[in-house]
Amino acid sequence: MELREGQVAVVTGAASGIGLAMARRFAAEGLKVVLADVEEAALAKAADDLRADGADVHARVVDVGVREQVLDLAASAYETYGAVHVLCNNAGVGSGAEGRMWEHDPNDWQWAFAVNVWGVFHGVQAFVPRMLASGEPGHVVNTSSGDGGIAPLPTASVYAVTKAAVVTMTESLYAHLKAEHARVGASVLFPGPHMLRTGLWESHRNRPARYAKQRPRRTPYRSLDQWEAAMRAAGEEVSFTPVEEVADLVVDGVRADRFWLLPPSEHSDAQIRARARSMLDRANPSYLESFILDNLNNLDKSDKLD
């Protein structure tokens, strides 16, 4: 797909982090940008900052887990600009789950699925039919993660399961679009290859009352800075990928009609090979052994992203 001045990009989770970086990158290409986020104050600031840089911006407060709000977002985007060419279903949360899977609060799963999985599906249903009907070139980018999208991360099992679902959903979307000979493409995004400074680490700040925990946490939430300090204290190497690099990967991938927006990484490649080999050999998942050994008797290493 050729990105041209005057086209329209919609980005959810756009008030900060990866979403804001993508919005900035599309605006730099001359696209009009529709920003959607659940955080009203942060969204207003992001929109104002982009406008100050000369961007044409439309912003809407949206909880992507609520279908009606995503449908309203689509209606508002088309009413404002008359078209949508790029859709980035990027909004995501960690769930705040603790301990082993059988100990998880069911609302941790309900909330994570509402945003990370249903939010993507709502975006597809709200926008793709209109994008197809226009007959214009378009592209859908769904944000997954190496944590689940490539291989399970048992220390963030809820998050990992939702991100695995996004990969399969996007593969299916790709197949359906190709079967229709559509001019709309699809990609699945794996931000990275290193850690990212995003609001995901403090998702609990936006947790809706309808998904409130049914029992209090045993341990306090940790900020990204606290996690980084703890990892460094444990002797682990900590590296961060700038969100701007993720945005560059997205723009390049849309232009090239590339499905797998997966940055080069020896670690990721090793995970992919190990998991595929386990399946081909019908062997037990040995690629999980490091988790098992590290956590066998250490329950306080609960879901670091969940």
Protein backbone atom coordinates (compact mmCIF):
# COMPACT_ATOMS: atom_id res chain seq x y z
CA MET A 1 0.00 0.00 0.00
CA GLU A 2 1.28 3.43 -0.91
CA LEU A 3 0.92 5.90 1.96
CA ARG A 4 -0.09 9.30 0.62
CA GLU A 5 -0.84 12.70 2.07
CA GLY A 6 -4.51 13.08 2.91
CA GLN A 7 -5.15 9.43 3.74
CA VAL A 8 -6.57 8.58 7.16
CA ALA A 9 -5.12 6.35 9.88
CA VAL A 10 -7.03 5.23 12.97
CA VAL A 11 -4.99 4.18 16.01
CA THR A 12 -6.40 2.80 19.26
CA GLY A 13 -4.42 3.06 22.47
CA ALA A 14 -3.08 6.25 20.90
CA ALA A 15 -2.59 8.51 23.93
CA SER A 16 0.88 7.18 24.75
CA GLY A 17 3.52 4.56 24.01
CA ILE A 18 3.39 2.60 20.77
CA GLY A 19 0.04 4.02 19.73
CA LEU A 20 1.17 7.62 19.99
CA ALA A 21 4.42 6.81 18.19
CA MET A 22 2.45 5.26 15.31
CA ALA A 23 0.14 8.26 15.16
CA ARG A 24 3.13 10.61 15.01
CA ARG A 25 4.73 8.53 12.27
CA PHE A 26 1.58 8.47 10.14
CA ALA A 27 1.15 12.21 10.64
CA ALA A 28 4.75 12.72 9.49
CA GLU A 29 3.77 10.94 6.26
CA GLY A 30 0.96 13.47 5.77
CA LEU A 31 -1.89 11.25 6.92
CA LYS A 32 -4.80 12.53 8.96
CA VAL A 33 -4.95 10.65 12.24
CA VAL A 34 -7.83 9.49 14.40
CA LEU A 35 -6.71 8.90 17.99
CA ALA A 36 -8.70 6.65 20.31
CA ASP A 37 -7.88 5.96 23.94
CA VAL A 38 -9.64 5.37 27.25
CA GLU A 39 -7.57 8.04 29.07
CA GLU A 40 -9.26 11.37 28.39
CA ALA A 41 -6.57 13.74 29.73
CA ALA A 42 -3.67 11.90 28.08
CA LEU A 43 -5.61 11.70 24.82
CA ALA A 44 -6.30 15.44 24.82
CA LYS A 45 -2.61 16.19 25.39
CA ALA A 46 -1.53 13.80 22.62
CA ALA A 47 -3.99 15.39 20.19
CA ASP A 48 -2.89 18.92 21.12
CA ASP A 49 0.78 18.03 20.73
CA LEU A 50 0.18 16.52 17.29
CA ARG A 51 -1.84 19.51 16.17
CA ALA A 52 0.95 21.80 17.36
CA ASP A 53 3.23 19.91 14.98
CA GLY A 54 0.82 20.54 12.11
CA ALA A 55 -1.13 17.27 12.09
CA ASP A 56 -4.82 16.99 11.21
CA VAL A 57 -6.21 15.12 14.25
CA HIS A 58 -9.55 13.78 15.41
CA ALA A 59 -9.62 12.33 18.93
CA ARG A 60 -12.23 10.19 20.67
CA VAL A 61 -12.37 8.69 24.15
CA VAL A 62 -13.04 4.99 23.55
CA ASP A 63 -13.04 1.80 25.58
CA VAL A 64 -12.36 -0.76 22.84
CA GLY A 65 -13.83 -3.49 25.03
CA VAL A 66 -17.26 -1.91 24.54
CA ARG A 67 -18.54 -2.72 21.06
CA GLU A 68 -20.86 0.28 20.80
CA GLN A 69 -18.00 2.68 21.50
CA VAL A 70 -15.88 1.21 18.70
CA LEU A 71 -18.83 1.38 16.29
CA ASP A 72 -19.28 5.02 17.30
CA LEU A 73 -15.56 5.60 16.71
CA ALA A 74 -15.89 4.30 13.16
CA ALA A 75 -18.97 6.42 12.51
CA SER A 76 -17.17 9.49 13.86
CA ALA A 77 -14.03 8.85 11.79
CA TYR A 78 -16.02 8.50 8.57
CA GLU A 79 -18.21 11.50 9.38
CA THR A 80 -15.09 13.60 9.99
CA TYR A 81 -12.84 12.46 7.16
CA GLY A 82 -15.00 10.37 4.82
CA ALA A 83 -12.55 7.48 4.67
CA VAL A 84 -10.18 5.27 6.64
CA HIS A 85 -7.14 3.73 4.98
CA VAL A 86 -5.10 2.36 7.89
CA LEU A 87 -6.51 0.78 11.05
CA CYS A 88 -4.20 -0.02 13.96
CA ASN A 89 -5.92 -2.10 16.62
CA ASN A 90 -3.28 -1.37 19.21
CA ALA A 91 -5.00 -0.84 22.59
CA GLY A 92 -3.95 -3.41 25.18
CA VAL A 93 -3.73 -4.06 28.91
CA GLY A 94 -2.03 -6.35 31.36
CA SER A 95 -4.53 -8.06 33.63
CA GLY A 96 -3.03 -7.79 37.09
CA ALA A 97 -3.26 -11.55 37.70
CA GLU A 98 -1.17 -13.15 40.45
CA GLY A 99 0.13 -16.61 41.18
CA ARG A 100 -0.69 -19.80 39.31
CA MET A 101 -3.43 -20.00 36.70
CA TRP A 102 -5.82 -21.87 38.98
CA GLU A 103 -5.49 -19.02 41.48
CA HIS A 104 -6.32 -16.22 39.06
CA ASP A 105 -9.27 -13.93 39.57
CA PRO A 106 -11.68 -14.61 36.66
CA ASN A 107 -12.13 -10.86 36.19
CA ASP A 108 -8.43 -10.62 35.29
CA TRP A 109 -9.19 -12.79 32.28
CA GLN A 110 -12.47 -11.02 31.50
CA TRP A 111 -10.80 -7.60 31.37
CA ALA A 112 -7.74 -8.69 29.38
CA PHE A 113 -9.89 -10.48 26.80
CA ALA A 114 -12.32 -7.56 26.56
CA VAL A 115 -9.52 -5.18 25.54
CA ASN A 116 -6.83 -7.32 23.94
CA VAL A 117 -9.03 -9.71 21.96
CA TRP A 118 -12.57 -8.34 21.73
CA GLY A 119 -11.13 -4.87 21.16
CA VAL A 120 -9.34 -6.10 18.04
CA PHE A 121 -12.44 -7.96 16.82
CA HIS A 122 -14.63 -4.90 17.41
CA GLY A 123 -12.18 -2.83 15.37
CA VAL A 124 -12.25 -5.30 12.50
CA GLN A 125 -16.05 -5.41 12.40
CA ALA A 126 -16.49 -1.65 12.78
CA PHE A 127 -14.02 -0.58 10.10
CA VAL A 128 -13.18 -3.35 7.62
CA PRO A 129 -16.59 -3.51 5.87
CA ARG A 130 -16.41 0.22 5.18
CA MET A 131 -12.80 -0.03 4.06
CA LEU A 132 -13.74 -2.80 1.64
CA ALA A 133 -16.77 -0.93 0.34
CA SER A 134 -14.66 2.09 -0.54
CA GLY A 135 -12.62 0.09 -3.03
CA GLU A 136 -9.52 2.02 -1.95
CA PRO A 137 -6.27 0.42 -0.77
CA GLY A 138 -6.13 -0.10 2.97
CA HIS A 139 -4.37 -1.98 5.72
CA VAL A 140 -5.14 -3.37 9.18
CA VAL A 141 -2.40 -3.75 11.80
CA ASN A 142 -3.21 -5.75 14.94
CA THR A 143 -0.80 -5.51 17.86
CA SER A 144 0.26 -8.82 19.39
CA SER A 145 3.41 -9.54 21.41
CA GLY A 146 6.29 -11.99 21.47
CA ASP A 147 4.94 -12.85 24.93
CA GLY A 148 2.27 -15.24 23.71
CA GLY A 149 2.30 -14.41 20.03
CA ILE A 150 5.59 -16.27 19.56
CA ALA A 151 5.74 -18.55 22.58
CA PRO A 152 3.97 -18.68 25.94
CA LEU A 153 5.25 -16.49 28.74
CA PRO A 154 3.90 -18.38 31.76
CA THR A 155 4.80 -15.53 34.12
CA ALA A 156 2.28 -13.43 32.18
CA SER A 157 -0.13 -16.16 31.20
CA VAL A 158 -3.31 -14.09 30.84
CA TYR A 159 -1.59 -11.51 28.65
CA ALA A 160 0.17 -14.21 26.65
CA VAL A 161 -3.06 -16.07 25.90
CA THR A 162 -4.72 -12.90 24.61
CA LYS A 163 -1.77 -12.06 22.38
CA ALA A 164 -1.71 -15.58 20.96
CA ALA A 165 -5.37 -15.08 20.05
CA VAL A 166 -4.52 -11.87 18.20
CA VAL A 167 -2.06 -13.74 15.98
CA THR A 168 -4.62 -16.35 14.97
CA MET A 169 -7.31 -13.71 14.46
CA THR A 170 -5.03 -11.75 12.16
CA GLU A 171 -3.99 -14.84 10.20
CA SER A 172 -7.68 -15.59 9.67
CA LEU A 173 -8.38 -11.98 8.68
CA TYR A 174 -5.54 -12.13 6.16
CA ALA A 175 -6.99 -15.30 4.62
CA HIS A 176 -10.50 -13.82 4.43
CA LEU A 177 -9.25 -10.64 2.78
CA LYS A 178 -7.24 -12.61 0.22
CA ALA A 179 -10.26 -14.83 -0.51
CA GLU A 180 -12.22 -11.66 -1.33
CA HIS A 181 -9.40 -10.31 -3.56
CA ALA A 182 -9.59 -7.26 -1.33
CA ARG A 183 -7.35 -4.23 -1.68
CA VAL A 184 -7.05 -4.24 2.11
CA GLY A 185 -4.07 -6.01 3.69
CA ALA A 186 -3.41 -7.25 7.21
CA SER A 187 -0.39 -7.43 9.49
CA VAL A 188 0.31 -8.65 13.00
CA LEU A 189 2.73 -6.51 15.01
CA PHE A 190 5.26 -7.81 17.53
CA PRO A 191 6.69 -4.72 19.25
CA GLY A 192 10.30 -5.11 20.28
CA PRO A 193 12.59 -6.94 20.15
CA HIS A 194 13.37 -5.58 23.64
CA MET A 195 11.22 -4.24 26.44
CA LEU A 196 9.23 -1.07 25.80
CA ARG A 197 8.47 1.94 27.93
CA THR A 198 4.68 1.99 27.66
CA GLY A 199 1.70 2.37 29.94
CA LEU A 200 1.04 -1.36 29.73
CA TRP A 201 3.04 -1.88 32.89
CA GLU A 202 0.53 0.19 34.85
CA SER A 203 -2.67 -0.89 33.14
CA HIS A 204 -4.50 -1.13 36.46
CA ARG A 205 -4.93 2.66 36.45
CA ASN A 206 -7.64 2.26 33.77
CA ARG A 207 -9.35 -0.89 35.03
CA PRO A 208 -13.15 -0.48 34.76
CA ALA A 209 -15.30 -1.10 37.82
CA ARG A 210 -17.18 -3.85 35.98
CA TYR A 211 -13.96 -5.88 35.93
CA ALA A 212 -12.87 -5.05 39.48
CA LYS A 213 -10.94 -7.73 41.29
CA GLN A 214 -13.13 -9.98 43.38
CA ARG A 215 -10.39 -10.25 45.97
CA PRO A 216 -7.52 -7.85 46.75
CA ARG A 217 -4.02 -8.38 45.40
CA ARG A 218 -1.54 -10.15 47.65
CA THR A 219 1.28 -7.90 46.47
CA PRO A 220 1.28 -4.25 45.33
CA TYR A 221 1.50 -3.38 41.66
CA ARG A 222 4.98 -2.53 40.42
CA SER A 223 5.84 0.28 38.06
CA LEU A 224 8.17 -0.26 35.10
CA ASP A 225 10.94 1.52 36.98
CA GLN A 226 10.51 -0.89 39.89
CA TRP A 227 10.58 -3.90 37.58
CA GLU A 228 13.69 -2.59 35.85
CA ALA A 229 15.44 -2.03 39.19
CA ALA A 230 14.51 -5.50 40.40
CA MET A 231 15.75 -7.13 37.19
CA ARG A 232 19.05 -5.27 37.28
CA ALA A 233 19.47 -6.18 40.96
CA ALA A 234 19.01 -9.82 39.97
CA GLY A 235 21.81 -9.48 37.42
CA GLU A 236 19.55 -9.53 34.36
CA GLU A 237 20.45 -7.43 31.34
CA VAL A 238 17.70 -4.91 30.56
CA SER A 239 17.35 -3.36 27.10
CA PHE A 240 14.61 -1.14 25.70
CA THR A 241 13.38 -0.66 22.14
CA PRO A 242 12.34 2.94 21.39
CA VAL A 243 8.66 3.12 20.46
CA GLU A 244 9.68 5.18 17.44
CA GLU A 245 11.43 2.11 16.01
CA VAL A 246 8.20 0.16 16.37
CA ALA A 247 6.34 2.88 14.48
CA ASP A 248 8.95 2.77 11.69
CA LEU A 249 8.48 -1.00 11.47
CA VAL A 250 4.73 -0.52 11.06
CA VAL A 251 4.99 2.10 8.31
CA ASP A 252 7.55 0.04 6.40
CA GLY A 253 5.42 -3.08 6.81
CA VAL A 254 2.24 -1.41 5.55
CA ARG A 255 4.09 -0.13 2.50
CA ALA A 256 5.51 -3.59 1.77
CA ASP A 257 2.22 -5.43 2.54
CA ARG A 258 4.22 -7.50 5.04
CA PHE A 259 2.15 -9.75 7.31
CA TRP A 260 4.70 -10.51 10.03
CA LEU A 261 5.87 -7.24 11.57
CA LEU A 262 8.48 -9.07 13.57
CA PRO A 263 11.81 -7.32 14.19
CA PRO A 264 15.02 -9.36 13.88
CA SER A 265 15.92 -11.09 17.13
CA GLU A 266 18.05 -14.14 17.85
CA HIS A 267 15.98 -14.78 20.98
CA SER A 268 12.67 -14.69 19.10
CA ASP A 269 14.03 -16.86 16.30
CA ALA A 270 15.25 -19.43 18.84
CA GLN A 271 11.82 -19.48 20.50
CA ILE A 272 10.06 -19.97 17.18
CA ARG A 273 12.36 -22.83 16.19
CA ALA A 274 12.13 -24.52 19.60
CA ARG A 275 8.36 -24.38 19.68
CA ALA A 276 8.00 -25.55 16.08
CA ARG A 277 10.47 -28.38 16.69
CA SER A 278 8.56 -29.50 19.77
CA MET A 279 5.35 -29.68 17.75
CA LEU A 280 6.94 -31.42 14.78
CA ASP A 281 8.59 -33.95 17.07
CA ARG A 282 5.40 -34.40 19.13
CA ALA A 283 7.66 -33.69 22.10
CA ASN A 284 6.93 -32.05 25.43
CA PRO A 285 7.51 -28.26 25.45
CA SER A 286 11.11 -28.17 26.58
CA TYR A 287 11.29 -24.47 25.69
CA LEU A 288 9.35 -23.87 28.95
CA GLU A 289 11.98 -25.57 31.10
CA SER A 290 13.69 -22.33 32.12
CA PHE A 291 10.40 -21.02 33.48
CA ILE A 292 9.75 -24.26 35.34
CA LEU A 293 13.19 -24.27 36.93
CA ASP A 294 13.12 -20.59 37.83
CA ASN A 295 9.65 -20.67 39.34
CA LEU A 296 9.26 -24.16 40.77
CA ASN A 297 9.31 -22.95 44.36
CA ASN A 298 9.04 -19.21 43.87
CA LEU A 299 5.41 -18.19 43.89
CA ASP A 300 6.20 -14.51 44.43
CA LYS A 301 7.43 -14.29 40.84
CA SER A 302 3.84 -13.72 39.77
CA ASP A 303 2.73 -12.42 36.37
CA LYS A 304 5.07 -9.53 35.67
CA LEU A 305 2.98 -8.18 32.79
CA ASP A 306 -0.36 -9.53 33.91
